[in-house]
Amino acid sequence: MRAALVLAAVLLEAPGCADADSTPDATSSSRYALTLAATGEEHGPLSGVRVFADDQLLGTTEEAGSLQLELQGREGDRLPLRIECPASFRSPPQPLVVGLWHPSPGSPEPTFEIECVPLVHSYVVGIAAENGAHLPISYLNEPLAETDDFGVAHLLVRAPSQEQVSLTLDTSDRPELRPQSPSLAFVAGESSELVLLQVKFVEPPRPSQPRRAVQGPIELKH
């Protein structure tokens, strides 16, 4: 009888025996929800961003620029994700490292930001052409706009960063203007911006008409 009581006491005092089924294993694998938010030009939401774990595609951001994931791992794990931006954007050179943890009750799930750097930017170009009313403007041989009655025009140009953008004002219908069909150029910057270009047209002076020589004797009146 004494031996049975001792055995019962040992079982009750043994750590973890009484609630072994109710204590979670901190080293066990679990699933962790998180959100990725991708931005592009002007920090607007960007769709079409693909996310990989090693070579496995986990998903693609939607129109709102977000992607919800559930990753397998242990609390505190840090997982590298490879980010592939759309063709007109530069992908991050390093993987996005996300940490796995369960937020406290009532808190939103973790969100990690992805920034895709645009390779092509938009430029609003303002042109002031003195004496150059109603001249067509072209870029890469494509007509884009025409100057108004005052020689002013505004147009939108998209070009890669660091590329020289050359706009041509066509004066083929105005042969009297100088210079003839000039090109106005600027170097595309690293972000969308406003560009102002100016040119002055002049008309060469018309040759003066020679005076007709007086023929015959001149009668002098007294």
Protein backbone atom coordinates (compact mmCIF):
# COMPACT_ATOMS: atom_id res chain seq x y z
CA MET A 1 0.00 0.00 0.00
CA ARG A 2 2.86 2.41 0.83
CA ALA A 3 4.55 1.59 -2.47
CA ALA A 4 1.37 2.49 -4.38
CA LEU A 5 1.14 5.87 -2.65
CA VAL A 6 4.78 6.68 -3.42
CA LEU A 7 4.29 5.82 -7.11
CA ALA A 8 1.21 8.07 -7.27
CA ALA A 9 3.16 10.96 -5.72
CA VAL A 10 5.99 10.56 -8.22
CA LEU A 11 3.58 10.66 -11.14
CA LEU A 12 1.91 13.82 -9.85
CA GLU A 13 5.19 15.64 -9.28
CA ALA A 14 6.79 14.67 -12.59
CA PRO A 15 7.07 17.91 -14.74
CA GLY A 16 4.76 18.03 -17.72
CA CYS A 17 2.97 14.79 -16.97
CA ALA A 18 -0.27 16.32 -15.79
CA ASP A 19 -0.73 18.66 -18.81
CA ALA A 20 1.47 17.15 -21.51
CA ASP A 21 -1.36 17.26 -24.05
CA SER A 22 -2.26 20.92 -23.39
CA THR A 23 1.25 22.45 -23.62
CA PRO A 24 2.17 23.48 -27.23
CA ASP A 25 5.52 22.43 -28.64
CA ALA A 26 7.48 25.63 -29.37
CA THR A 27 9.67 23.83 -31.89
CA SER A 28 6.83 22.40 -33.97
CA SER A 29 6.14 23.67 -37.48
CA SER A 30 3.11 25.87 -38.05
CA ARG A 31 1.55 28.10 -40.71
CA TYR A 32 1.94 31.88 -40.59
CA ALA A 33 -0.19 34.36 -42.53
CA LEU A 34 1.34 37.53 -43.94
CA THR A 35 0.72 40.12 -46.65
CA LEU A 36 3.10 41.51 -49.29
CA ALA A 37 2.42 45.02 -50.65
CA ALA A 38 4.17 45.99 -53.92
CA THR A 39 4.62 49.56 -55.17
CA GLY A 40 5.91 50.94 -58.47
CA GLU A 41 6.05 54.38 -60.08
CA GLU A 42 5.08 57.24 -57.75
CA HIS A 43 4.74 54.61 -55.00
CA GLY A 44 1.42 53.45 -56.44
CA PRO A 45 0.23 49.83 -56.09
CA LEU A 46 1.82 47.47 -58.60
CA SER A 47 0.29 44.28 -59.92
CA GLY A 48 2.10 41.43 -61.65
CA VAL A 49 4.94 41.12 -59.10
CA ARG A 50 5.88 37.45 -58.72
CA VAL A 51 7.13 36.01 -55.43
CA PHE A 52 9.28 32.86 -55.17
CA ALA A 53 10.59 30.69 -52.36
CA ASP A 54 13.67 29.14 -53.95
CA ASP A 55 12.29 28.21 -57.40
CA GLN A 56 8.70 27.73 -56.27
CA LEU A 57 6.22 30.42 -57.31
CA LEU A 58 4.17 31.40 -54.27
CA GLY A 59 1.91 33.91 -56.00
CA THR A 60 1.54 37.18 -57.93
CA THR A 61 0.36 40.55 -56.65
CA GLU A 62 -3.11 41.56 -57.78
CA GLU A 63 -4.39 44.91 -59.04
CA ALA A 64 -4.27 46.44 -55.56
CA GLY A 65 -0.58 45.48 -55.35
CA SER A 66 -1.08 42.97 -52.53
CA LEU A 67 -0.49 39.26 -52.11
CA GLN A 68 -1.57 37.21 -49.11
CA LEU A 69 0.57 34.20 -48.20
CA GLU A 70 0.66 31.40 -45.66
CA LEU A 71 4.18 30.16 -45.00
CA GLN A 72 5.20 27.03 -43.17
CA GLY A 73 7.84 27.27 -40.45
CA ARG A 74 8.59 27.80 -36.79
CA GLU A 75 8.10 30.88 -34.66
CA GLY A 76 10.97 33.29 -35.26
CA ASP A 77 12.11 31.73 -38.54
CA ARG A 78 13.34 34.15 -41.22
CA LEU A 79 12.59 33.10 -44.79
CA PRO A 80 14.11 34.71 -47.93
CA LEU A 81 11.69 35.42 -50.79
CA ARG A 82 12.86 36.21 -54.33
CA ILE A 83 10.98 39.10 -55.92
CA GLU A 84 10.49 39.34 -59.69
CA CYS A 85 9.06 42.68 -60.87
CA PRO A 86 7.32 43.24 -64.25
CA ALA A 87 9.50 43.81 -67.31
CA SER A 88 9.43 47.63 -67.13
CA PHE A 89 10.66 47.63 -63.52
CA ARG A 90 13.95 46.77 -61.82
CA SER A 91 13.66 43.83 -59.42
CA PRO A 92 15.25 44.12 -55.95
CA PRO A 93 18.83 42.74 -56.10
CA GLN A 94 18.49 41.04 -52.72
CA PRO A 95 15.73 38.70 -51.50
CA LEU A 96 13.02 39.97 -49.18
CA VAL A 97 13.57 38.34 -45.77
CA VAL A 98 10.33 37.87 -43.83
CA GLY A 99 10.05 36.85 -40.20
CA LEU A 100 7.43 34.37 -39.01
CA TRP A 101 5.41 35.15 -35.92
CA HIS A 102 1.83 35.03 -34.72
CA PRO A 103 0.43 38.50 -33.99
CA SER A 104 -1.41 39.09 -30.76
CA PRO A 105 -5.19 38.62 -30.83
CA GLY A 106 -6.95 41.49 -32.58
CA SER A 107 -3.77 42.69 -34.35
CA PRO A 108 -3.50 42.70 -38.17
CA GLU A 109 -1.31 40.13 -39.85
CA PRO A 110 2.27 41.21 -40.66
CA THR A 111 2.75 43.22 -43.87
CA PHE A 112 6.02 43.46 -45.82
CA GLU A 113 6.63 46.07 -48.53
CA ILE A 114 8.13 45.43 -51.97
CA GLU A 115 9.50 48.33 -54.04
CA CYS A 116 9.92 47.87 -57.79
CA VAL A 117 11.96 50.68 -59.34
CA PRO A 118 10.51 51.78 -62.71
CA LEU A 119 12.87 51.62 -65.66
CA VAL A 120 10.59 53.81 -67.81
CA HIS A 121 9.26 57.15 -66.57
CA SER A 122 6.67 59.65 -67.78
CA TYR A 123 7.75 63.19 -68.60
CA VAL A 124 5.41 66.12 -69.18
CA VAL A 125 7.19 68.30 -71.73
CA GLY A 126 6.32 71.94 -72.26
CA ILE A 127 7.58 73.54 -75.49
CA ALA A 128 7.71 77.28 -76.17
CA ALA A 129 8.56 77.98 -79.82
CA GLU A 130 8.82 81.71 -80.48
CA ASN A 131 7.45 82.50 -83.97
CA GLY A 132 6.69 78.79 -84.36
CA ALA A 133 2.91 78.51 -84.46
CA HIS A 134 1.25 75.31 -85.69
CA LEU A 135 4.37 73.18 -86.02
CA PRO A 136 4.03 69.37 -85.67
CA ILE A 137 6.15 67.77 -82.92
CA SER A 138 7.41 64.19 -83.22
CA TYR A 139 9.33 61.72 -81.07
CA LEU A 140 11.01 58.68 -82.63
CA ASN A 141 9.33 59.65 -85.91
CA GLU A 142 5.89 59.47 -84.29
CA PRO A 143 3.77 62.66 -84.24
CA LEU A 144 2.77 63.59 -80.69
CA ALA A 145 1.41 67.14 -80.71
CA GLU A 146 1.38 70.52 -82.48
CA THR A 147 2.18 74.00 -81.25
CA ASP A 148 -0.77 76.36 -80.86
CA ASP A 149 -1.26 79.92 -82.14
CA PHE A 150 1.39 81.12 -79.70
CA GLY A 151 3.92 78.39 -80.45
CA VAL A 152 3.20 76.55 -77.18
CA ALA A 153 2.59 72.81 -76.72
CA HIS A 154 2.38 70.29 -73.90
CA LEU A 155 2.93 66.58 -74.44
CA LEU A 156 3.60 63.37 -72.53
CA VAL A 157 6.73 61.32 -73.26
CA ARG A 158 7.70 57.96 -71.76
CA ALA A 159 11.37 57.01 -71.86
CA PRO A 160 13.93 54.90 -69.94
CA SER A 161 16.11 56.57 -67.34
CA GLN A 162 19.31 58.21 -68.63
CA GLU A 163 18.11 58.04 -72.25
CA GLN A 164 18.42 61.16 -74.37
CA VAL A 165 14.97 62.21 -75.57
CA SER A 166 14.96 64.20 -78.80
CA LEU A 167 11.81 65.98 -80.00
CA THR A 168 11.65 67.38 -83.54
CA LEU A 169 9.64 70.41 -84.65
CA ASP A 170 8.72 69.94 -88.30
CA THR A 171 9.10 73.13 -90.35
CA SER A 172 8.77 71.50 -93.78
CA ASP A 173 5.63 73.59 -94.44
CA ARG A 174 7.40 76.74 -93.25
CA PRO A 175 10.60 76.86 -95.35
CA GLU A 176 11.16 80.50 -94.45
CA LEU A 177 11.85 79.69 -90.78
CA ARG A 178 15.30 79.29 -89.32
CA PRO A 179 16.42 76.92 -87.94
CA GLN A 180 14.79 74.26 -90.09
CA SER A 181 13.18 71.31 -88.25
CA PRO A 182 15.25 71.68 -85.08
CA SER A 183 15.50 68.94 -82.43
CA LEU A 184 15.04 69.77 -78.76
CA ALA A 185 16.68 67.23 -76.44
CA PHE A 186 16.86 66.39 -72.74
CA VAL A 187 18.21 63.48 -70.70
CA ALA A 188 15.54 61.39 -68.96
CA GLY A 189 15.93 61.45 -65.19
CA GLU A 190 15.38 58.82 -62.52
CA SER A 191 11.78 59.87 -61.85
CA SER A 192 8.82 61.42 -63.61
CA GLU A 193 9.18 65.17 -63.94
CA LEU A 194 8.24 68.32 -65.83
CA VAL A 195 10.59 69.40 -68.65
CA LEU A 196 10.57 72.83 -70.32
CA LEU A 197 12.15 73.37 -73.76
CA GLN A 198 12.46 76.59 -75.75
CA VAL A 199 13.41 77.53 -79.30
CA LYS A 200 13.28 80.77 -81.26
CA PHE A 201 12.51 80.86 -84.97
CA VAL A 202 13.43 83.78 -87.19
CA GLU A 203 12.66 84.64 -90.78
CA PRO A 204 15.62 85.75 -92.88
CA PRO A 205 15.28 89.35 -94.13
CA ARG A 206 13.89 89.67 -97.59
CA PRO A 207 16.35 91.08 -100.12
CA SER A 208 15.66 94.74 -100.88
CA GLN A 209 14.47 95.63 -104.35
CA PRO A 210 17.12 97.52 -106.35
CA ARG A 211 16.16 101.05 -107.38
CA ARG A 212 15.48 101.52 -111.05
CA ALA A 213 18.01 103.78 -112.71
CA VAL A 214 16.62 106.96 -114.25
CA GLN A 215 16.91 106.87 -118.03
CA GLY A 216 17.44 109.90 -120.30
CA PRO A 217 18.28 113.52 -119.60
CA ILE A 218 16.81 115.21 -116.60
CA GLU A 219 14.96 118.41 -117.32
CA LEU A 220 15.82 121.10 -114.88
CA LYS A 221 13.07 123.54 -114.22
CA HIS A 222 13.84 127.14 -113.58
